Amino acid sequence: MEIKKKEFKYKGMSIEELKKLDVREFAKYLRSRQRRTVLRQFQKIEDFINRSKEKERKDKRIKTHQRDLVIVPQMVGMKISIHNGNTFVLVDVTGEMLGHKFGEFAPTRNRVKHSSAGVGGTKGTRSKSKK
C-alpha cells in the first residue's frame, strides 16, 4: 500500500494556479484584513518579488527588514532571511504561510526559560546573599 502525500490547496486552487495570478487578483482570495493590506501594498510586494528573483539568480541570500509584507504565491519556495530586531531569521516560505505576514515567522522576543532560583531568589538563600 502506497501512502500518497496530500497536495496543498488554498481556497480550492493549487500553488501552480495561484502563481499564475497577479498579486491583486490573488488578494480576492484572502480574508478582509490581508486583502486590504495587499491592495494597499501591491507595488511594494511586486518590487520585493522582482528584487528577490534577481538575487536568487545570482545565488545571493535574500534579506529583508520588511516584516509587514503579506506572503503571496510567487514567494512560495523562497528562502528569505527576515530581521527580528537583532539578527536575521532564515525562513522557508511554504503554501501554509499564504496570507500571513513575514513578521509572524521571525519572533522578536525569545521564549522565557525558567530554571531554579539563584542566590537571593528565595527566602532561604536571602541570608547568604548579604554576606
N, C-alpha and C. Protein backbone atom coordinates (compact mmCIF):
# COMPACT_ATOMS: atom_id res chain seq x y z
N MET A 1 0.83 -1.18 0.00
CA MET A 1 0.00 0.00 0.00
C MET A 1 0.88 1.25 0.00
N GLU A 2 0.64 2.11 -0.94
CA GLU A 2 1.45 3.31 -1.10
C GLU A 2 0.77 4.50 -0.42
N ILE A 3 1.52 5.22 0.39
CA ILE A 3 0.98 6.40 1.06
C ILE A 3 1.13 7.59 0.13
N LYS A 4 0.01 8.22 -0.18
CA LYS A 4 0.01 9.35 -1.10
C LYS A 4 0.01 10.65 -0.31
N LYS A 5 0.94 11.55 -0.63
CA LYS A 5 1.02 12.83 0.04
C LYS A 5 -0.08 13.74 -0.49
N LYS A 6 -0.81 14.37 0.41
CA LYS A 6 -1.91 15.24 0.03
C LYS A 6 -1.36 16.52 -0.59
N GLU A 7 -1.90 16.89 -1.74
CA GLU A 7 -1.46 18.11 -2.43
C GLU A 7 -2.06 19.31 -1.73
N PHE A 8 -1.24 20.34 -1.52
CA PHE A 8 -1.70 21.55 -0.84
C PHE A 8 -2.59 22.37 -1.76
N LYS A 9 -3.72 22.81 -1.23
CA LYS A 9 -4.63 23.69 -1.96
C LYS A 9 -4.99 24.85 -1.07
N TYR A 10 -5.11 26.03 -1.68
CA TYR A 10 -5.53 27.23 -0.97
C TYR A 10 -6.83 27.70 -1.60
N LYS A 11 -7.91 27.64 -0.84
CA LYS A 11 -9.25 28.00 -1.32
C LYS A 11 -9.61 27.24 -2.59
N GLY A 12 -9.19 25.96 -2.65
CA GLY A 12 -9.53 25.09 -3.76
C GLY A 12 -8.61 25.21 -4.97
N MET A 13 -7.56 25.99 -4.88
CA MET A 13 -6.63 26.19 -6.00
C MET A 13 -5.24 25.68 -5.62
N SER A 14 -4.55 25.07 -6.59
CA SER A 14 -3.19 24.59 -6.34
C SER A 14 -2.21 25.76 -6.41
N ILE A 15 -0.99 25.52 -5.93
CA ILE A 15 0.04 26.56 -5.91
C ILE A 15 0.36 27.03 -7.34
N GLU A 16 0.40 26.09 -8.30
CA GLU A 16 0.71 26.45 -9.69
C GLU A 16 -0.34 27.40 -10.24
N GLU A 17 -1.63 27.13 -9.94
CA GLU A 17 -2.70 28.02 -10.42
C GLU A 17 -2.60 29.39 -9.76
N LEU A 18 -2.26 29.41 -8.47
CA LEU A 18 -2.15 30.68 -7.76
C LEU A 18 -0.96 31.51 -8.24
N LYS A 19 0.16 30.83 -8.61
CA LYS A 19 1.34 31.57 -9.07
C LYS A 19 1.08 32.29 -10.39
N LYS A 20 0.11 31.81 -11.18
CA LYS A 20 -0.24 32.46 -12.44
C LYS A 20 -1.01 33.75 -12.23
N LEU A 21 -1.62 33.91 -11.05
CA LEU A 21 -2.42 35.09 -10.76
C LEU A 21 -1.53 36.30 -10.45
N ASP A 22 -2.05 37.47 -10.74
CA ASP A 22 -1.41 38.73 -10.36
C ASP A 22 -1.59 38.90 -8.85
N VAL A 23 -0.77 39.73 -8.22
CA VAL A 23 -0.85 39.95 -6.78
C VAL A 23 -2.24 40.48 -6.41
N ARG A 24 -2.77 41.41 -7.21
CA ARG A 24 -4.09 41.97 -6.90
C ARG A 24 -5.21 40.96 -7.14
N GLU A 25 -5.03 40.06 -8.10
CA GLU A 25 -6.03 39.02 -8.33
C GLU A 25 -6.02 38.01 -7.19
N PHE A 26 -4.83 37.71 -6.65
CA PHE A 26 -4.73 36.80 -5.52
C PHE A 26 -5.39 37.39 -4.28
N ALA A 27 -5.37 38.72 -4.16
CA ALA A 27 -5.94 39.39 -2.99
C ALA A 27 -7.42 39.06 -2.82
N LYS A 28 -8.12 38.73 -3.91
CA LYS A 28 -9.54 38.41 -3.83
C LYS A 28 -9.80 37.15 -3.02
N TYR A 29 -8.79 36.28 -2.90
CA TYR A 29 -8.93 35.02 -2.18
C TYR A 29 -8.55 35.13 -0.71
N LEU A 30 -8.05 36.30 -0.29
CA LEU A 30 -7.63 36.49 1.10
C LEU A 30 -8.78 36.97 1.96
N ARG A 31 -8.57 36.89 3.29
CA ARG A 31 -9.54 37.46 4.22
C ARG A 31 -9.42 38.98 4.18
N SER A 32 -10.40 39.67 4.73
CA SER A 32 -10.53 41.11 4.54
C SER A 32 -9.31 41.92 4.99
N ARG A 33 -8.74 41.62 6.15
CA ARG A 33 -7.60 42.39 6.65
C ARG A 33 -6.39 42.22 5.74
N GLN A 34 -6.11 40.98 5.35
CA GLN A 34 -4.97 40.73 4.47
C GLN A 34 -5.22 41.31 3.08
N ARG A 35 -6.46 41.21 2.60
CA ARG A 35 -6.80 41.76 1.27
C ARG A 35 -6.55 43.25 1.24
N ARG A 36 -6.99 43.94 2.28
CA ARG A 36 -6.80 45.39 2.37
C ARG A 36 -5.31 45.75 2.37
N THR A 37 -4.52 44.99 3.12
CA THR A 37 -3.08 45.24 3.18
C THR A 37 -2.42 45.01 1.82
N VAL A 38 -2.79 43.90 1.16
CA VAL A 38 -2.18 43.58 -0.14
C VAL A 38 -2.56 44.63 -1.18
N LEU A 39 -3.80 45.05 -1.20
CA LEU A 39 -4.22 46.04 -2.18
C LEU A 39 -3.55 47.39 -1.96
N ARG A 40 -3.23 47.70 -0.72
CA ARG A 40 -2.52 48.95 -0.44
C ARG A 40 -1.03 48.84 -0.76
N GLN A 41 -0.45 47.65 -0.59
CA GLN A 41 1.00 47.47 -0.73
C GLN A 41 1.41 46.67 -1.95
N PHE A 42 0.54 46.50 -2.94
CA PHE A 42 0.86 45.59 -4.05
C PHE A 42 2.14 45.98 -4.78
N GLN A 43 2.42 47.28 -4.90
CA GLN A 43 3.65 47.69 -5.58
C GLN A 43 4.88 47.29 -4.76
N LYS A 44 4.79 47.46 -3.44
CA LYS A 44 5.88 47.09 -2.55
C LYS A 44 6.14 45.57 -2.63
N ILE A 45 5.07 44.79 -2.69
CA ILE A 45 5.18 43.33 -2.77
C ILE A 45 5.79 42.91 -4.10
N GLU A 46 5.31 43.51 -5.20
CA GLU A 46 5.84 43.18 -6.53
C GLU A 46 7.32 43.56 -6.65
N ASP A 47 7.71 44.70 -6.08
CA ASP A 47 9.12 45.11 -6.09
C ASP A 47 9.97 44.10 -5.33
N PHE A 48 9.47 43.65 -4.18
CA PHE A 48 10.21 42.66 -3.38
C PHE A 48 10.39 41.37 -4.17
N ILE A 49 9.33 40.91 -4.85
CA ILE A 49 9.40 39.67 -5.63
C ILE A 49 10.42 39.80 -6.76
N ASN A 50 10.39 40.92 -7.47
CA ASN A 50 11.33 41.13 -8.59
C ASN A 50 12.77 41.19 -8.10
N ARG A 51 13.02 41.92 -6.97
CA ARG A 51 14.38 42.01 -6.44
C ARG A 51 14.87 40.66 -5.94
N SER A 52 13.98 39.90 -5.32
CA SER A 52 14.40 38.60 -4.76
C SER A 52 14.67 37.59 -5.87
N LYS A 53 13.96 37.67 -6.99
CA LYS A 53 14.23 36.77 -8.10
C LYS A 53 15.60 37.06 -8.71
N GLU A 54 15.97 38.34 -8.77
CA GLU A 54 17.30 38.71 -9.28
C GLU A 54 18.38 38.17 -8.35
N LYS A 55 18.16 38.28 -7.04
CA LYS A 55 19.16 37.79 -6.08
C LYS A 55 19.27 36.27 -6.13
N GLU A 56 18.14 35.59 -6.36
CA GLU A 56 18.18 34.12 -6.46
C GLU A 56 19.01 33.68 -7.66
N ARG A 57 18.90 34.43 -8.76
CA ARG A 57 19.70 34.09 -9.95
C ARG A 57 21.19 34.23 -9.67
N LYS A 58 21.55 35.22 -8.84
CA LYS A 58 22.96 35.45 -8.51
C LYS A 58 23.41 34.62 -7.30
N ASP A 59 22.55 33.74 -6.81
CA ASP A 59 22.83 32.89 -5.64
C ASP A 59 23.17 33.72 -4.40
N LYS A 60 22.50 34.86 -4.23
CA LYS A 60 22.67 35.67 -3.03
C LYS A 60 21.53 35.39 -2.08
N ARG A 61 21.80 35.57 -0.80
CA ARG A 61 20.77 35.36 0.22
C ARG A 61 19.82 36.56 0.22
N ILE A 62 18.53 36.29 0.31
CA ILE A 62 17.52 37.35 0.32
C ILE A 62 17.32 37.78 1.76
N LYS A 63 17.67 39.03 2.06
CA LYS A 63 17.50 39.58 3.41
C LYS A 63 16.49 40.72 3.34
N THR A 64 15.67 40.83 4.39
CA THR A 64 14.72 41.92 4.41
C THR A 64 14.42 42.37 5.84
N HIS A 65 14.10 43.65 5.97
CA HIS A 65 13.63 44.22 7.22
C HIS A 65 12.12 44.43 7.16
N GLN A 66 11.51 44.16 6.02
CA GLN A 66 10.08 44.42 5.82
C GLN A 66 9.24 43.30 6.43
N ARG A 67 8.89 43.46 7.69
CA ARG A 67 8.14 42.44 8.40
C ARG A 67 6.64 42.53 8.12
N ASP A 68 6.19 43.61 7.48
CA ASP A 68 4.76 43.82 7.26
C ASP A 68 4.27 43.33 5.90
N LEU A 69 5.14 42.73 5.09
CA LEU A 69 4.71 42.24 3.78
C LEU A 69 3.92 40.95 3.92
N VAL A 70 2.80 40.87 3.17
CA VAL A 70 1.97 39.68 3.17
C VAL A 70 2.56 38.67 2.18
N ILE A 71 2.57 37.40 2.56
CA ILE A 71 3.14 36.34 1.71
C ILE A 71 2.14 36.00 0.61
N VAL A 72 2.60 36.06 -0.64
CA VAL A 72 1.78 35.76 -1.81
C VAL A 72 2.37 34.53 -2.51
N PRO A 73 1.62 33.89 -3.43
CA PRO A 73 2.06 32.63 -4.04
C PRO A 73 3.42 32.69 -4.75
N GLN A 74 3.79 33.85 -5.30
CA GLN A 74 5.08 33.95 -6.00
C GLN A 74 6.27 33.77 -5.06
N MET A 75 6.04 33.93 -3.75
CA MET A 75 7.11 33.79 -2.77
C MET A 75 7.29 32.35 -2.28
N VAL A 76 6.33 31.47 -2.58
CA VAL A 76 6.39 30.09 -2.10
C VAL A 76 7.62 29.41 -2.69
N GLY A 77 8.41 28.77 -1.83
CA GLY A 77 9.63 28.09 -2.25
C GLY A 77 10.88 28.91 -2.03
N MET A 78 10.74 30.19 -1.74
CA MET A 78 11.91 31.04 -1.49
C MET A 78 12.44 30.82 -0.09
N LYS A 79 13.72 31.11 0.09
CA LYS A 79 14.34 31.13 1.41
C LYS A 79 14.68 32.58 1.71
N ILE A 80 14.00 33.15 2.69
CA ILE A 80 14.12 34.57 2.99
C ILE A 80 14.62 34.75 4.41
N SER A 81 15.58 35.64 4.59
CA SER A 81 16.06 35.98 5.93
C SER A 81 15.35 37.24 6.39
N ILE A 82 14.56 37.10 7.47
CA ILE A 82 13.75 38.20 7.97
C ILE A 82 14.38 38.72 9.26
N HIS A 83 14.54 40.04 9.35
CA HIS A 83 15.18 40.65 10.51
C HIS A 83 14.22 40.65 11.69
N ASN A 84 14.71 40.25 12.86
CA ASN A 84 13.84 40.23 14.05
C ASN A 84 14.22 41.32 15.05
N GLY A 85 15.02 42.29 14.62
CA GLY A 85 15.46 43.36 15.51
C GLY A 85 16.87 43.15 16.01
N ASN A 86 17.36 41.93 15.92
CA ASN A 86 18.69 41.61 16.40
C ASN A 86 19.48 40.87 15.33
N THR A 87 18.91 39.81 14.78
CA THR A 87 19.57 39.01 13.76
C THR A 87 18.59 38.72 12.63
N PHE A 88 19.06 38.04 11.60
CA PHE A 88 18.20 37.62 10.51
C PHE A 88 17.81 36.15 10.73
N VAL A 89 16.51 35.86 10.66
CA VAL A 89 15.99 34.52 10.85
C VAL A 89 15.67 33.94 9.48
N LEU A 90 16.28 32.81 9.14
CA LEU A 90 16.04 32.18 7.84
C LEU A 90 14.70 31.45 7.85
N VAL A 91 13.85 31.77 6.86
CA VAL A 91 12.51 31.20 6.78
C VAL A 91 12.32 30.59 5.39
N ASP A 92 11.87 29.32 5.34
CA ASP A 92 11.47 28.70 4.08
C ASP A 92 9.99 28.96 3.91
N VAL A 93 9.60 29.65 2.84
CA VAL A 93 8.20 30.00 2.63
C VAL A 93 7.47 28.80 2.04
N THR A 94 6.38 28.39 2.70
CA THR A 94 5.56 27.26 2.25
C THR A 94 4.15 27.75 1.93
N GLY A 95 3.35 26.87 1.37
CA GLY A 95 1.98 27.21 1.00
C GLY A 95 1.10 27.56 2.18
N GLU A 96 1.36 26.95 3.34
CA GLU A 96 0.55 27.22 4.51
C GLU A 96 0.72 28.65 5.02
N MET A 97 1.79 29.34 4.58
CA MET A 97 2.06 30.70 5.04
C MET A 97 1.32 31.76 4.23
N LEU A 98 0.63 31.39 3.18
CA LEU A 98 -0.06 32.37 2.32
C LEU A 98 -1.02 33.22 3.14
N GLY A 99 -0.96 34.53 2.93
CA GLY A 99 -1.85 35.44 3.63
C GLY A 99 -1.31 35.93 4.96
N HIS A 100 -0.23 35.32 5.45
CA HIS A 100 0.37 35.77 6.71
C HIS A 100 1.48 36.77 6.41
N LYS A 101 1.91 37.50 7.44
CA LYS A 101 2.97 38.49 7.26
C LYS A 101 4.32 37.88 7.64
N PHE A 102 5.40 38.44 7.06
CA PHE A 102 6.76 37.96 7.35
C PHE A 102 7.05 37.97 8.84
N GLY A 103 6.64 39.03 9.53
CA GLY A 103 6.95 39.21 10.94
C GLY A 103 6.46 38.08 11.83
N GLU A 104 5.43 37.36 11.38
CA GLU A 104 4.88 36.27 12.19
C GLU A 104 5.85 35.09 12.30
N PHE A 105 6.81 35.01 11.38
CA PHE A 105 7.71 33.87 11.33
C PHE A 105 9.12 34.20 11.82
N ALA A 106 9.31 35.42 12.30
CA ALA A 106 10.59 35.82 12.89
C ALA A 106 10.30 36.52 14.21
N PRO A 107 10.10 35.73 15.29
CA PRO A 107 9.71 36.34 16.57
C PRO A 107 10.78 37.28 17.11
N THR A 108 10.32 38.40 17.68
CA THR A 108 11.24 39.42 18.18
C THR A 108 11.68 39.16 19.62
N ARG A 109 10.91 38.34 20.33
CA ARG A 109 11.26 38.04 21.72
C ARG A 109 11.52 36.54 21.87
N ASN A 110 12.53 36.21 22.68
CA ASN A 110 12.85 34.81 22.93
C ASN A 110 11.89 34.22 23.95
N ARG A 111 11.75 32.92 23.93
CA ARG A 111 10.92 32.25 24.93
C ARG A 111 11.65 32.30 26.27
N VAL A 112 10.89 32.47 27.34
CA VAL A 112 11.47 32.51 28.68
C VAL A 112 11.76 31.09 29.13
N LYS A 113 13.00 30.85 29.53
CA LYS A 113 13.41 29.54 30.01
C LYS A 113 13.63 29.65 31.51
N HIS A 114 12.66 29.18 32.27
CA HIS A 114 12.76 29.26 33.73
C HIS A 114 13.62 28.11 34.24
N SER A 115 14.50 28.44 35.16
CA SER A 115 15.33 27.40 35.79
C SER A 115 15.20 27.58 37.30
N SER A 116 16.06 26.93 38.04
CA SER A 116 16.00 27.06 39.50
C SER A 116 16.40 28.48 39.92
N ALA A 117 15.88 28.92 41.03
CA ALA A 117 16.14 30.28 41.51
C ALA A 117 17.60 30.42 41.92
N GLY A 118 18.15 31.60 41.71
CA GLY A 118 19.52 31.88 42.07
C GLY A 118 19.64 32.29 43.52
N VAL A 119 20.84 32.71 43.94
CA VAL A 119 21.07 33.16 45.31
C VAL A 119 20.28 34.45 45.51
N GLY A 120 19.48 34.48 46.58
CA GLY A 120 18.65 35.65 46.87
C GLY A 120 17.28 35.57 46.24
N GLY A 121 17.01 34.52 45.50
CA GLY A 121 15.72 34.37 44.83
C GLY A 121 14.65 33.80 45.73
N THR A 122 15.04 33.15 46.81
CA THR A 122 14.08 32.58 47.76
C THR A 122 14.44 33.05 49.17
N LYS A 123 13.50 32.85 50.11
CA LYS A 123 13.74 33.30 51.49
C LYS A 123 14.90 32.55 52.13
N GLY A 124 15.08 31.30 51.79
CA GLY A 124 16.15 30.50 52.39
C GLY A 124 17.54 30.93 51.96
N THR A 125 17.69 31.53 50.81
CA THR A 125 19.01 31.94 50.32
C THR A 125 19.25 33.43 50.50
N ARG A 126 18.29 34.15 51.09
CA ARG A 126 18.44 35.60 51.25
C ARG A 126 19.59 35.96 52.20
N SER A 127 19.75 35.18 53.26
CA SER A 127 20.80 35.47 54.22
C SER A 127 22.19 35.23 53.63
N LYS A 128 22.30 34.33 52.66
CA LYS A 128 23.59 34.06 52.02
C LYS A 128 24.01 35.19 51.11
N SER A 129 23.03 35.91 50.55
CA SER A 129 23.37 36.98 49.60
C SER A 129 23.88 38.23 50.29
N LYS A 130 23.58 38.42 51.60
CA LYS A 130 24.01 39.62 52.32
C LYS A 130 25.47 39.55 52.70
N LYS A 131 26.06 38.41 52.75
CA LYS A 131 27.45 38.26 53.18
C LYS A 131 28.41 38.62 52.11
